[in-house]
Amino acid sequence: MDIVYIHDLKVDTVIGIFDWERKIRQTVSLDIEMATDIRPAAATDDIDKTLDYKAVGKRLIHFIRESEFQLVETLAEECANIILNDFAVPWVRLRLSKPGALRGSKDVGVIIERGQRSA
């Protein structure tokens, strides 16, 4: 399986558990790796035969901008579900970080791996 990735996708959203966080927008950053088979696209040079990372990015940007989760864990799970369900990706690894959330640290966050569930 090949991997199509998006690195350092930055989106402003309402995220956090504190009252002051509920009143502002903060930036989150995503690194996403998505399993796919690129051979059909490579053989034909046809965008319709590959995982369109621009479409994935636009879908996530819209979703994240409109969301108001308290936890990065919840936001990461929901983003992974969108990728798995809307883009028929068999596996995704997603790193979601919240820069500036911990004094003295560049960022904090979660890394999750999810795959399609067998019927």
Protein backbone atom coordinates (compact mmCIF):
# COMPACT_ATOMS: atom_id res chain seq x y z
CA MET A 1 0.00 0.00 0.00
CA ASP A 2 1.21 3.49 -0.85
CA ILE A 3 0.74 6.64 1.21
CA VAL A 4 -0.62 10.02 0.18
CA TYR A 5 0.11 12.61 2.82
CA ILE A 6 -0.68 16.15 3.92
CA HIS A 7 1.86 17.82 6.18
CA ASP A 8 1.26 20.75 8.55
CA LEU A 9 -2.28 21.65 7.52
CA LYS A 10 -3.10 24.63 9.74
CA VAL A 11 -6.71 25.50 10.57
CA ASP A 12 -8.20 27.97 13.05
CA THR A 13 -10.98 26.63 15.25
CA VAL A 14 -12.57 26.80 18.68
CA ILE A 15 -10.83 24.12 20.75
CA GLY A 16 -10.23 23.73 24.46
CA ILE A 17 -11.77 23.13 27.85
CA PHE A 18 -11.24 26.52 29.50
CA ASP A 19 -13.80 29.34 29.33
CA TRP A 20 -11.32 31.68 27.62
CA GLU A 21 -10.64 29.03 24.96
CA ARG A 22 -14.33 28.85 24.10
CA LYS A 23 -14.27 32.57 23.19
CA ILE A 24 -11.33 32.58 20.77
CA ARG A 25 -10.06 30.70 17.75
CA GLN A 26 -6.82 28.76 18.01
CA THR A 27 -4.70 27.13 15.34
CA VAL A 28 -4.42 23.37 15.13
CA SER A 29 -1.99 21.58 12.82
CA LEU A 30 -2.53 18.22 11.12
CA ASP A 31 -0.14 15.72 9.58
CA ILE A 32 -2.06 13.05 7.72
CA GLU A 33 -0.92 9.82 6.07
CA MET A 34 -3.52 7.94 4.03
CA ALA A 35 -3.09 4.47 2.58
CA THR A 36 -3.97 4.10 -1.08
CA ASP A 37 -2.79 2.42 -4.25
CA ILE A 38 -1.26 5.07 -6.53
CA ARG A 39 -0.51 2.66 -9.40
CA PRO A 40 -3.74 3.26 -11.37
CA ALA A 41 -3.15 7.02 -11.31
CA ALA A 42 0.54 6.64 -12.13
CA ALA A 43 -0.25 4.39 -15.10
CA THR A 44 -2.85 6.75 -16.56
CA ASP A 45 -1.79 10.19 -15.26
CA ASP A 46 -5.46 10.64 -14.30
CA ILE A 47 -6.46 12.55 -11.15
CA ASP A 48 -9.74 10.60 -11.00
CA LYS A 49 -7.78 7.42 -10.29
CA THR A 50 -6.01 8.66 -7.17
CA LEU A 51 -6.77 9.97 -3.71
CA ASP A 52 -7.25 13.71 -4.23
CA TYR A 53 -5.36 15.31 -1.34
CA LYS A 54 -6.79 18.72 -2.23
CA ALA A 55 -10.33 17.40 -1.79
CA VAL A 56 -9.35 15.80 1.54
CA GLY A 57 -7.75 19.03 2.72
CA LYS A 58 -10.71 21.20 1.72
CA ARG A 59 -13.17 18.84 3.43
CA LEU A 60 -11.16 18.85 6.67
CA ILE A 61 -10.59 22.62 6.64
CA HIS A 62 -14.33 23.23 6.32
CA PHE A 63 -15.17 20.72 9.06
CA ILE A 64 -12.51 21.95 11.52
CA ARG A 65 -13.34 25.65 11.03
CA GLU A 66 -16.99 24.93 11.87
CA SER A 67 -16.27 22.65 14.83
CA GLU A 68 -16.12 23.60 18.51
CA PHE A 69 -14.72 20.56 20.31
CA GLN A 70 -13.21 20.66 23.76
CA LEU A 71 -10.60 17.93 23.22
CA VAL A 72 -8.04 17.41 20.48
CA GLU A 73 -8.79 13.70 20.90
CA THR A 74 -12.38 14.21 19.74
CA LEU A 75 -11.34 16.40 16.82
CA ALA A 76 -8.73 13.85 15.71
CA GLU A 77 -11.25 10.99 15.81
CA GLU A 78 -13.80 12.94 13.80
CA CYS A 79 -11.21 13.93 11.18
CA ALA A 80 -10.06 10.31 10.85
CA ASN A 81 -13.69 9.20 10.42
CA ILE A 82 -14.22 11.75 7.65
CA ILE A 83 -11.15 10.51 5.79
CA LEU A 84 -12.07 6.84 6.18
CA ASN A 85 -15.73 7.26 5.28
CA ASP A 86 -15.82 10.09 2.74
CA PHE A 87 -12.71 9.09 0.80
CA ALA A 88 -12.80 5.29 1.14
CA VAL A 89 -9.29 5.18 2.58
CA PRO A 90 -8.46 1.81 4.16
CA TRP A 91 -6.06 3.26 6.77
CA VAL A 92 -5.11 6.67 8.12
CA ARG A 93 -2.49 7.97 10.55
CA LEU A 94 -3.33 11.42 11.83
CA ARG A 95 -1.25 13.71 14.03
CA LEU A 96 -3.19 16.65 15.42
CA SER A 97 -1.28 19.23 17.42
CA LYS A 98 -2.22 22.37 19.29
CA PRO A 99 0.71 24.81 19.21
CA GLY A 100 1.24 26.88 22.34
CA ALA A 101 -1.02 24.76 24.53
CA LEU A 102 1.74 23.98 27.04
CA ARG A 103 4.21 26.62 28.17
CA GLY A 104 7.73 25.69 27.19
CA SER A 105 6.57 23.27 24.48
CA LYS A 106 6.27 23.90 20.75
CA ASP A 107 3.02 21.94 20.64
CA VAL A 108 1.04 19.08 22.16
CA GLY A 109 -1.45 16.71 20.63
CA VAL A 110 -2.31 13.18 19.64
CA ILE A 111 -1.32 10.68 16.98
CA ILE A 112 -3.93 8.11 16.02
CA GLU A 113 -4.08 5.29 13.49
CA ARG A 114 -7.41 4.03 12.25
CA GLY A 115 -8.51 1.55 9.63
CA GLN A 116 -11.71 0.41 8.03
CA ARG A 117 -13.66 -2.00 10.19
CA SER A 118 -14.39 -5.40 8.74
CA ALA A 119 -18.04 -6.29 8.32
